[in-house]
All heavy atoms as atom14 arrays in JSON, in Angstrom:
{
  "sequence": "NQSNFTQKLNPVYEAIKITRKNLDKTKSLISFVGAPWTLAVYML",
  "atom14_mask": [
    [1, 1, 1, 1, 1, 1, 1, 1, 0, 0, 0, 0, 0, 0],
    [1, 1, 1, 1, 1, 1, 1, 1, 1, 0, 0, 0, 0, 0],
    [1, 1, 1, 1, 1, 1, 0, 0, 0, 0, 0, 0, 0, 0],
    [1, 1, 1, 1, 1, 1, 1, 1, 0, 0, 0, 0, 0, 0],
    [1, 1, 1, 1, 1, 1, 1, 1, 1, 1, 1, 0, 0, 0],
    [1, 1, 1, 1, 1, 1, 1, 0, 0, 0, 0, 0, 0, 0],
    [1, 1, 1, 1, 1, 1, 1, 1, 1, 0, 0, 0, 0, 0],
    [1, 1, 1, 1, 1, 1, 1, 1, 1, 0, 0, 0, 0, 0],
    [1, 1, 1, 1, 1, 1, 1, 1, 0, 0, 0, 0, 0, 0],
    [1, 1, 1, 1, 1, 1, 1, 1, 0, 0, 0, 0, 0, 0],
    [1, 1, 1, 1, 1, 1, 1, 0, 0, 0, 0, 0, 0, 0],
    [1, 1, 1, 1, 1, 1, 1, 0, 0, 0, 0, 0, 0, 0],
    [1, 1, 1, 1, 1, 1, 1, 1, 1, 1, 1, 1, 0, 0],
    [1, 1, 1, 1, 1, 1, 1, 1, 1, 0, 0, 0, 0, 0],
    [1, 1, 1, 1, 1, 0, 0, 0, 0, 0, 0, 0, 0, 0],
    [1, 1, 1, 1, 1, 1, 1, 1, 0, 0, 0, 0, 0, 0],
    [1, 1, 1, 1, 1, 1, 1, 1, 1, 0, 0, 0, 0, 0],
    [1, 1, 1, 1, 1, 1, 1, 1, 0, 0, 0, 0, 0, 0],
    [1, 1, 1, 1, 1, 1, 1, 0, 0, 0, 0, 0, 0, 0],
    [1, 1, 1, 1, 1, 1, 1, 1, 1, 1, 1, 0, 0, 0],
    [1, 1, 1, 1, 1, 1, 1, 1, 1, 0, 0, 0, 0, 0],
    [1, 1, 1, 1, 1, 1, 1, 1, 0, 0, 0, 0, 0, 0],
    [1, 1, 1, 1, 1, 1, 1, 1, 0, 0, 0, 0, 0, 0],
    [1, 1, 1, 1, 1, 1, 1, 1, 0, 0, 0, 0, 0, 0],
    [1, 1, 1, 1, 1, 1, 1, 1, 1, 0, 0, 0, 0, 0],
    [1, 1, 1, 1, 1, 1, 1, 0, 0, 0, 0, 0, 0, 0],
    [1, 1, 1, 1, 1, 1, 1, 1, 1, 0, 0, 0, 0, 0],
    [1, 1, 1, 1, 1, 1, 0, 0, 0, 0, 0, 0, 0, 0],
    [1, 1, 1, 1, 1, 1, 1, 1, 0, 0, 0, 0, 0, 0],
    [1, 1, 1, 1, 1, 1, 1, 1, 0, 0, 0, 0, 0, 0],
    [1, 1, 1, 1, 1, 1, 0, 0, 0, 0, 0, 0, 0, 0],
    [1, 1, 1, 1, 1, 1, 1, 1, 1, 1, 1, 0, 0, 0],
    [1, 1, 1, 1, 1, 1, 1, 0, 0, 0, 0, 0, 0, 0],
    [1, 1, 1, 1, 0, 0, 0, 0, 0, 0, 0, 0, 0, 0],
    [1, 1, 1, 1, 1, 0, 0, 0, 0, 0, 0, 0, 0, 0],
    [1, 1, 1, 1, 1, 1, 1, 0, 0, 0, 0, 0, 0, 0],
    [1, 1, 1, 1, 1, 1, 1, 1, 1, 1, 1, 1, 1, 1],
    [1, 1, 1, 1, 1, 1, 1, 0, 0, 0, 0, 0, 0, 0],
    [1, 1, 1, 1, 1, 1, 1, 1, 0, 0, 0, 0, 0, 0],
    [1, 1, 1, 1, 1, 0, 0, 0, 0, 0, 0, 0, 0, 0],
    [1, 1, 1, 1, 1, 1, 1, 0, 0, 0, 0, 0, 0, 0],
    [1, 1, 1, 1, 1, 1, 1, 1, 1, 1, 1, 1, 0, 0],
    [1, 1, 1, 1, 1, 1, 1, 1, 0, 0, 0, 0, 0, 0],
    [1, 1, 1, 1, 1, 1, 1, 1, 0, 0, 0, 0, 0, 0]
  ],
  "atom14_positions": [
    [[134.43, -23.63, 8.47], [133.64, -23.27, 9.65], [132.15, -23.37, 9.31], [131.77, -23.35, 8.15], [134.01, -21.89, 10.21], [133.64, -20.79, 9.25], [132.47, -20.61, 8.91], [134.64, -20.04, 8.81], [0.0, 0.0, 0.0], [0.0, 0.0, 0.0], [0.0, 0.0, 0.0], [0.0, 0.0, 0.0], [0.0, 0.0, 0.0], [0.0, 0.0, 0.0]],
    [[131.35, -23.48, 10.36], [129.94, -23.82, 10.16], [129.15, -22.73, 9.45], [128.24, -23.03, 8.68], [129.32, -24.2, 11.51], [129.92, -25.5, 12.03], [129.35, -25.96, 13.34], [128.51, -25.3, 13.94], [129.8, -27.11, 13.82], [0.0, 0.0, 0.0], [0.0, 0.0, 0.0], [0.0, 0.0, 0.0], [0.0, 0.0, 0.0], [0.0, 0.0, 0.0]],
    [[129.53, -21.46, 9.66], [128.72, -20.42, 9.0], [129.0, -20.36, 7.5], [128.08, -20.17, 6.7], [128.91, -19.06, 9.67], [130.24, -18.64, 9.52], [0.0, 0.0, 0.0], [0.0, 0.0, 0.0], [0.0, 0.0, 0.0], [0.0, 0.0, 0.0], [0.0, 0.0, 0.0], [0.0, 0.0, 0.0], [0.0, 0.0, 0.0], [0.0, 0.0, 0.0]],
    [[130.26, -20.57, 7.09], [130.56, -20.63, 5.64], [129.85, -21.81, 4.99], [129.33, -21.71, 3.88], [132.07, -20.79, 5.4], [132.8, -19.49, 5.61], [132.18, -18.46, 5.87], [134.12, -19.52, 5.52], [0.0, 0.0, 0.0], [0.0, 0.0, 0.0], [0.0, 0.0, 0.0], [0.0, 0.0, 0.0], [0.0, 0.0, 0.0], [0.0, 0.0, 0.0]],
    [[129.89, -22.92, 5.7], [129.26, -24.15, 5.23], [127.76, -23.91, 5.01], [127.2, -24.23, 3.95], [129.51, -25.26, 6.26], [128.78, -26.55, 6.0], [129.22, -27.44, 5.04], [127.67, -26.9, 6.77], [128.57, -28.65, 4.82], [127.01, -28.11, 6.56], [127.46, -28.97, 5.58], [0.0, 0.0, 0.0], [0.0, 0.0, 0.0], [0.0, 0.0, 0.0]],
    [[127.11, -23.31, 6.0], [125.67, -23.03, 5.91], [125.38, -22.09, 4.75], [124.42, -22.27, 4.0], [125.17, -22.43, 7.24], [125.26, -23.44, 8.25], [123.73, -21.97, 7.15], [0.0, 0.0, 0.0], [0.0, 0.0, 0.0], [0.0, 0.0, 0.0], [0.0, 0.0, 0.0], [0.0, 0.0, 0.0], [0.0, 0.0, 0.0], [0.0, 0.0, 0.0]],
    [[126.24, -21.08, 4.6], [126.04, -20.1, 3.53], [126.13, -20.75, 2.15], [125.31, -20.5, 1.27], [127.1, -19.01, 3.66], [126.65, -17.69, 3.07], [127.7, -16.61, 3.34], [128.56, -16.74, 4.2], [127.61, -15.54, 2.56], [0.0, 0.0, 0.0], [0.0, 0.0, 0.0], [0.0, 0.0, 0.0], [0.0, 0.0, 0.0], [0.0, 0.0, 0.0]],
    [[127.13, -21.65, 2.0], [127.3, -22.32, 0.71], [126.09, -23.19, 0.35], [125.74, -23.34, -0.82], [128.56, -23.22, 0.73], [129.77, -22.55, 0.11], [130.9, -23.53, -0.09], [131.12, -23.82, -1.56], [132.41, -24.47, -1.84], [0.0, 0.0, 0.0], [0.0, 0.0, 0.0], [0.0, 0.0, 0.0], [0.0, 0.0, 0.0], [0.0, 0.0, 0.0]],
    [[125.5, -23.77, 1.37], [124.37, -24.68, 1.12], [123.01, -24.01, 1.3], [121.97, -24.67, 1.25], [124.48, -25.92, 2.03], [125.72, -26.79, 1.78], [125.66, -28.06, 2.62], [125.87, -27.16, 0.31], [0.0, 0.0, 0.0], [0.0, 0.0, 0.0], [0.0, 0.0, 0.0], [0.0, 0.0, 0.0], [0.0, 0.0, 0.0], [0.0, 0.0, 0.0]],
    [[123.02, -22.7, 1.47], [121.76, -21.98, 1.7], [120.69, -22.25, 0.63], [119.51, -22.38, 0.95], [122.02, -20.48, 1.85], [120.81, -19.8, 2.43], [120.23, -20.24, 3.42], [120.36, -18.75, 1.76], [0.0, 0.0, 0.0], [0.0, 0.0, 0.0], [0.0, 0.0, 0.0], [0.0, 0.0, 0.0], [0.0, 0.0, 0.0], [0.0, 0.0, 0.0]],
    [[121.07, -22.36, -0.68], [120.04, -22.64, -1.69], [119.28, -23.95, -1.43], [118.1, -24.06, -1.79], [120.84, -22.73, -3.0], [122.07, -21.91, -2.75], [122.39, -22.1, -1.3], [0.0, 0.0, 0.0], [0.0, 0.0, 0.0], [0.0, 0.0, 0.0], [0.0, 0.0, 0.0], [0.0, 0.0, 0.0], [0.0, 0.0, 0.0], [0.0, 0.0, 0.0]],
    [[119.93, -24.92, -0.8], [119.25, -26.18, -0.46], [118.14, -25.88, 0.56], [117.02, -26.39, 0.46], [120.25, -27.21, 0.12], [119.54, -28.49, 0.57], [121.34, -27.54, -0.89], [0.0, 0.0, 0.0], [0.0, 0.0, 0.0], [0.0, 0.0, 0.0], [0.0, 0.0, 0.0], [0.0, 0.0, 0.0], [0.0, 0.0, 0.0], [0.0, 0.0, 0.0]],
    [[118.47, -25.03, 1.54], [117.49, -24.72, 2.59], [116.35, -23.86, 2.02], [115.2, -24.03, 2.41], [118.18, -24.03, 3.78], [119.46, -24.74, 4.19], [120.64, -24.05, 4.45], [119.49, -26.14, 4.27], [121.81, -24.71, 4.78], [120.67, -26.81, 4.61], [121.83, -26.1, 4.86], [122.98, -26.76, 5.18], [0.0, 0.0, 0.0], [0.0, 0.0, 0.0]],
    [[116.69, -23.0, 1.08], [115.65, -22.2, 0.41], [114.69, -23.11, -0.34], [113.48, -22.91, -0.32], [116.3, -21.2, -0.57], [116.91, -19.98, 0.11], [115.94, -19.23, 1.01], [114.8, -18.97, 0.58], [116.32, -18.92, 2.16], [0.0, 0.0, 0.0], [0.0, 0.0, 0.0], [0.0, 0.0, 0.0], [0.0, 0.0, 0.0], [0.0, 0.0, 0.0]],
    [[115.26, -24.13, -1.01], [114.43, -25.09, -1.76], [113.45, -25.79, -0.82], [112.28, -26.02, -1.17], [115.31, -26.12, -2.46], [0.0, 0.0, 0.0], [0.0, 0.0, 0.0], [0.0, 0.0, 0.0], [0.0, 0.0, 0.0], [0.0, 0.0, 0.0], [0.0, 0.0, 0.0], [0.0, 0.0, 0.0], [0.0, 0.0, 0.0], [0.0, 0.0, 0.0]],
    [[113.91, -26.11, 0.39], [113.04, -26.77, 1.37], [111.91, -25.82, 1.79], [110.75, -26.23, 1.87], [113.86, -27.25, 2.6], [114.81, -28.39, 2.16], [112.95, -27.72, 3.73], [115.77, -28.87, 3.22], [0.0, 0.0, 0.0], [0.0, 0.0, 0.0], [0.0, 0.0, 0.0], [0.0, 0.0, 0.0], [0.0, 0.0, 0.0], [0.0, 0.0, 0.0]],
    [[112.26, -24.54, 2.01], [111.22, -23.56, 2.4], [110.14, -23.46, 1.33], [108.95, -23.48, 1.63], [111.86, -22.17, 2.6], [112.58, -22.03, 3.92], [113.21, -20.65, 4.07], [114.17, -20.62, 5.25], [115.1, -19.5, 5.19], [0.0, 0.0, 0.0], [0.0, 0.0, 0.0], [0.0, 0.0, 0.0], [0.0, 0.0, 0.0], [0.0, 0.0, 0.0]],
    [[110.57, -23.37, 0.07], [109.62, -23.24, -1.05], [108.75, -24.5, -1.14], [107.54, -24.44, -1.31], [110.37, -23.0, -2.39], [111.18, -21.7, -2.32], [109.39, -22.94, -3.57], [112.21, -21.55, -3.45], [0.0, 0.0, 0.0], [0.0, 0.0, 0.0], [0.0, 0.0, 0.0], [0.0, 0.0, 0.0], [0.0, 0.0, 0.0], [0.0, 0.0, 0.0]],
    [[109.41, -25.65, -1.0], [108.69, -26.93, -1.12], [107.65, -27.04, 0.0], [106.49, -27.4, -0.26], [109.68, -28.12, -1.04], [110.7, -27.91, -2.01], [108.99, -29.44, -1.32], [0.0, 0.0, 0.0], [0.0, 0.0, 0.0], [0.0, 0.0, 0.0], [0.0, 0.0, 0.0], [0.0, 0.0, 0.0], [0.0, 0.0, 0.0], [0.0, 0.0, 0.0]],
    [[108.07, -26.71, 1.21], [107.14, -26.81, 2.35], [105.92, -25.92, 2.15], [104.79, -26.29, 2.44], [107.88, -26.46, 3.64], [107.11, -26.61, 4.93], [106.75, -28.03, 5.3], [105.47, -28.49, 4.75], [104.99, -29.7, 4.92], [105.68, -30.62, 5.58], [103.84, -30.04, 4.39], [0.0, 0.0, 0.0], [0.0, 0.0, 0.0], [0.0, 0.0, 0.0]],
    [[106.19, -24.72, 1.6], [105.1, -23.75, 1.39], [104.08, -24.28, 0.37], [102.88, -24.07, 0.49], [105.7, -22.42, 0.91], [104.8, -21.23, 1.24], [105.5, -19.93, 0.95], [105.31, -19.56, -0.51], [106.14, -18.45, -0.95], [0.0, 0.0, 0.0], [0.0, 0.0, 0.0], [0.0, 0.0, 0.0], [0.0, 0.0, 0.0], [0.0, 0.0, 0.0]],
    [[104.6, -25.01, -0.64], [103.72, -25.48, -1.73], [103.23, -26.91, -1.55], [102.53, -27.44, -2.41], [104.45, -25.35, -3.06], [104.7, -23.9, -3.4], [103.77, -23.1, -3.48], [105.96, -23.53, -3.59], [0.0, 0.0, 0.0], [0.0, 0.0, 0.0], [0.0, 0.0, 0.0], [0.0, 0.0, 0.0], [0.0, 0.0, 0.0], [0.0, 0.0, 0.0]],
    [[103.62, -27.53, -0.44], [103.26, -28.91, -0.19], [102.0, -28.97, 0.66], [101.85, -28.19, 1.6], [104.43, -29.6, 0.54], [104.38, -31.11, 0.75], [104.36, -31.85, -0.59], [105.61, -31.56, 1.55], [0.0, 0.0, 0.0], [0.0, 0.0, 0.0], [0.0, 0.0, 0.0], [0.0, 0.0, 0.0], [0.0, 0.0, 0.0], [0.0, 0.0, 0.0]],
    [[101.12, -29.88, 0.31], [99.9, -30.11, 1.09], [100.29, -30.29, 2.57], [101.22, -31.02, 2.89], [99.28, -31.4, 0.52], [98.02, -31.81, 1.25], [97.85, -31.47, 2.43], [97.2, -32.51, 0.62], [0.0, 0.0, 0.0], [0.0, 0.0, 0.0], [0.0, 0.0, 0.0], [0.0, 0.0, 0.0], [0.0, 0.0, 0.0], [0.0, 0.0, 0.0]],
    [[99.56, -29.61, 3.44], [99.89, -29.62, 4.89], [99.9, -31.03, 5.48], [100.56, -31.29, 6.48], [98.87, -28.79, 5.67], [98.84, -27.3, 5.31], [99.95, -26.54, 6.02], [99.98, -25.07, 5.61], [100.51, -24.86, 4.25], [0.0, 0.0, 0.0], [0.0, 0.0, 0.0], [0.0, 0.0, 0.0], [0.0, 0.0, 0.0], [0.0, 0.0, 0.0]],
    [[99.14, -31.97, 4.87], [99.06, -33.32, 5.44], [100.25, -34.18, 5.03], [100.41, -35.3, 5.5], [97.78, -34.03, 4.98], [97.85, -34.18, 3.55], [96.53, -33.26, 5.35], [0.0, 0.0, 0.0], [0.0, 0.0, 0.0], [0.0, 0.0, 0.0], [0.0, 0.0, 0.0], [0.0, 0.0, 0.0], [0.0, 0.0, 0.0], [0.0, 0.0, 0.0]],
    [[101.1, -33.66, 4.12], [102.22, -34.47, 3.62], [103.51, -34.15, 4.38], [103.76, -33.01, 4.74], [102.46, -34.22, 2.13], [101.22, -34.33, 1.25], [100.81, -35.77, 1.02], [99.64, -35.84, 0.04], [99.18, -37.2, -0.14], [0.0, 0.0, 0.0], [0.0, 0.0, 0.0], [0.0, 0.0, 0.0], [0.0, 0.0, 0.0], [0.0, 0.0, 0.0]],
    [[104.31, -35.18, 4.53], [105.59, -35.03, 5.22], [106.65, -34.55, 4.23], [106.52, -34.77, 3.02], [105.97, -36.41, 5.75], [106.97, -36.31, 6.69], [0.0, 0.0, 0.0], [0.0, 0.0, 0.0], [0.0, 0.0, 0.0], [0.0, 0.0, 0.0], [0.0, 0.0, 0.0], [0.0, 0.0, 0.0], [0.0, 0.0, 0.0], [0.0, 0.0, 0.0]],
    [[107.68, -33.88, 4.73], [108.81, -33.46, 3.86], [110.09, -34.04, 4.45], [110.51, -33.71, 5.56], [108.88, -31.94, 3.76], [110.02, -31.36, 2.91], [110.05, -31.95, 1.5], [109.93, -29.84, 2.84], [0.0, 0.0, 0.0], [0.0, 0.0, 0.0], [0.0, 0.0, 0.0], [0.0, 0.0, 0.0], [0.0, 0.0, 0.0], [0.0, 0.0, 0.0]],
    [[110.7, -34.95, 3.69], [111.88, -35.68, 4.17], [113.15, -35.05, 3.61], [113.25, -34.78, 2.42], [111.8, -37.16, 3.74], [110.51, -37.8, 4.27], [113.02, -37.95, 4.22], [110.21, -39.18, 3.69], [0.0, 0.0, 0.0], [0.0, 0.0, 0.0], [0.0, 0.0, 0.0], [0.0, 0.0, 0.0], [0.0, 0.0, 0.0], [0.0, 0.0, 0.0]],
    [[114.1, -34.81, 4.49], [115.43, -34.34, 4.06], [116.4, -35.49, 4.3], [116.04, -36.49, 4.9], [115.84, -33.12, 4.87], [115.88, -33.46, 6.24], [0.0, 0.0, 0.0], [0.0, 0.0, 0.0], [0.0, 0.0, 0.0], [0.0, 0.0, 0.0], [0.0, 0.0, 0.0], [0.0, 0.0, 0.0], [0.0, 0.0, 0.0], [0.0, 0.0, 0.0]],
    [[117.63, -35.35, 3.84], [118.56, -36.47, 4.03], [120.01, -36.0, 4.05], [120.34, -34.89, 3.61], [118.37, -37.54, 2.96], [118.62, -37.05, 1.54], [119.89, -37.13, 0.99], [117.59, -36.52, 0.78], [120.12, -36.67, -0.3], [117.82, -36.07, -0.51], [119.09, -36.15, -1.06], [0.0, 0.0, 0.0], [0.0, 0.0, 0.0], [0.0, 0.0, 0.0]],
    [[120.87, -36.88, 4.55], [122.33, -36.67, 4.51], [122.97, -38.02, 4.21], [122.35, -39.07, 4.41], [122.89, -36.13, 5.85], [122.37, -34.75, 6.17], [122.62, -37.1, 7.0], [0.0, 0.0, 0.0], [0.0, 0.0, 0.0], [0.0, 0.0, 0.0], [0.0, 0.0, 0.0], [0.0, 0.0, 0.0], [0.0, 0.0, 0.0], [0.0, 0.0, 0.0]],
    [[124.22, -37.99, 3.78], [125.0, -39.22, 3.68], [125.63, -39.48, 5.04], [125.92, -38.54, 5.79], [0.0, 0.0, 0.0], [0.0, 0.0, 0.0], [0.0, 0.0, 0.0], [0.0, 0.0, 0.0], [0.0, 0.0, 0.0], [0.0, 0.0, 0.0], [0.0, 0.0, 0.0], [0.0, 0.0, 0.0], [0.0, 0.0, 0.0], [0.0, 0.0, 0.0]],
    [[125.82, -40.74, 5.38], [126.5, -41.07, 6.64], [127.99, -40.77, 6.49], [128.52, -40.73, 5.37], [126.29, -42.55, 6.96], [0.0, 0.0, 0.0], [0.0, 0.0, 0.0], [0.0, 0.0, 0.0], [0.0, 0.0, 0.0], [0.0, 0.0, 0.0], [0.0, 0.0, 0.0], [0.0, 0.0, 0.0], [0.0, 0.0, 0.0], [0.0, 0.0, 0.0]],
    [[128.7, -40.56, 7.61], [130.13, -40.21, 7.54], [130.96, -41.17, 6.67], [131.73, -40.72, 5.81], [130.57, -40.24, 9.0], [129.35, -39.82, 9.74], [128.2, -40.45, 9.0], [0.0, 0.0, 0.0], [0.0, 0.0, 0.0], [0.0, 0.0, 0.0], [0.0, 0.0, 0.0], [0.0, 0.0, 0.0], [0.0, 0.0, 0.0], [0.0, 0.0, 0.0]],
    [[130.78, -42.47, 6.86], [131.58, -43.43, 6.08], [131.33, -43.3, 4.58], [132.25, -43.25, 3.77], [131.3, -44.88, 6.54], [131.68, -45.9, 5.5], [130.84, -46.56, 4.66], [133.0, -46.35, 5.17], [131.54, -47.4, 3.83], [132.88, -47.29, 4.11], [134.29, -46.06, 5.65], [133.97, -47.95, 3.54], [135.38, -46.71, 5.09], [135.23, -47.64, 4.04]],
    [[130.06, -43.26, 4.19], [129.73, -43.18, 2.76], [130.29, -41.91, 2.14], [130.82, -41.93, 1.02], [128.2, -43.3, 2.57], [127.85, -44.67, 2.84], [127.76, -42.94, 1.16], [0.0, 0.0, 0.0], [0.0, 0.0, 0.0], [0.0, 0.0, 0.0], [0.0, 0.0, 0.0], [0.0, 0.0, 0.0], [0.0, 0.0, 0.0], [0.0, 0.0, 0.0]],
    [[130.24, -40.8, 2.87], [130.83, -39.56, 2.35], [132.35, -39.69, 2.24], [132.95, -39.25, 1.27], [130.46, -38.37, 3.24], [128.98, -37.98, 3.21], [128.71, -36.8, 4.13], [128.51, -37.64, 1.79], [0.0, 0.0, 0.0], [0.0, 0.0, 0.0], [0.0, 0.0, 0.0], [0.0, 0.0, 0.0], [0.0, 0.0, 0.0], [0.0, 0.0, 0.0]],
    [[132.96, -40.35, 3.24], [134.41, -40.54, 3.22], [134.85, -41.37, 2.01], [135.9, -41.11, 1.41], [134.87, -41.21, 4.52], [0.0, 0.0, 0.0], [0.0, 0.0, 0.0], [0.0, 0.0, 0.0], [0.0, 0.0, 0.0], [0.0, 0.0, 0.0], [0.0, 0.0, 0.0], [0.0, 0.0, 0.0], [0.0, 0.0, 0.0], [0.0, 0.0, 0.0]],
    [[134.03, -42.37, 1.63], [134.35, -43.19, 0.46], [134.5, -42.31, -0.78], [135.44, -42.46, -1.57], [133.24, -44.27, 0.23], [133.38, -44.92, -1.13], [133.31, -45.33, 1.33], [0.0, 0.0, 0.0], [0.0, 0.0, 0.0], [0.0, 0.0, 0.0], [0.0, 0.0, 0.0], [0.0, 0.0, 0.0], [0.0, 0.0, 0.0], [0.0, 0.0, 0.0]],
    [[133.58, -41.34, -0.93], [133.66, -40.42, -2.07], [134.78, -39.4, -1.89], [135.54, -39.12, -2.81], [132.32, -39.69, -2.25], [131.22, -40.57, -2.76], [130.13, -40.91, -1.97], [131.25, -41.07, -4.07], [129.11, -41.72, -2.44], [130.23, -41.88, -4.56], [129.16, -42.2, -3.74], [128.15, -43.0, -4.21], [0.0, 0.0, 0.0], [0.0, 0.0, 0.0]],
    [[134.87, -38.83, -0.69], [135.82, -37.73, -0.46], [137.27, -38.18, -0.58], [138.12, -37.44, -1.04], [135.54, -37.1, 0.9], [134.2, -36.36, 0.95], [133.71, -35.85, 2.62], [134.7, -34.36, 2.82], [0.0, 0.0, 0.0], [0.0, 0.0, 0.0], [0.0, 0.0, 0.0], [0.0, 0.0, 0.0], [0.0, 0.0, 0.0], [0.0, 0.0, 0.0]],
    [[137.53, -39.43, -0.15], [138.91, -39.95, -0.21], [139.14, -40.86, -1.42], [140.21, -41.4, -1.59], [139.24, -40.71, 1.09], [139.17, -39.91, 2.39], [139.34, -40.82, 3.59], [140.24, -38.81, 2.42], [0.0, 0.0, 0.0], [0.0, 0.0, 0.0], [0.0, 0.0, 0.0], [0.0, 0.0, 0.0], [0.0, 0.0, 0.0], [0.0, 0.0, 0.0]]
  ]
}
């Protein structure tokens, strides 16, 4: 379920918060995900 999933990955979101706080305001912060197919290749 989505709340367990979010909880497990919470340290990733914390890392983003810390990075944003320490990053120059003029710089962009890019996050990413794998596409469904590419994840399926690994998962299966």
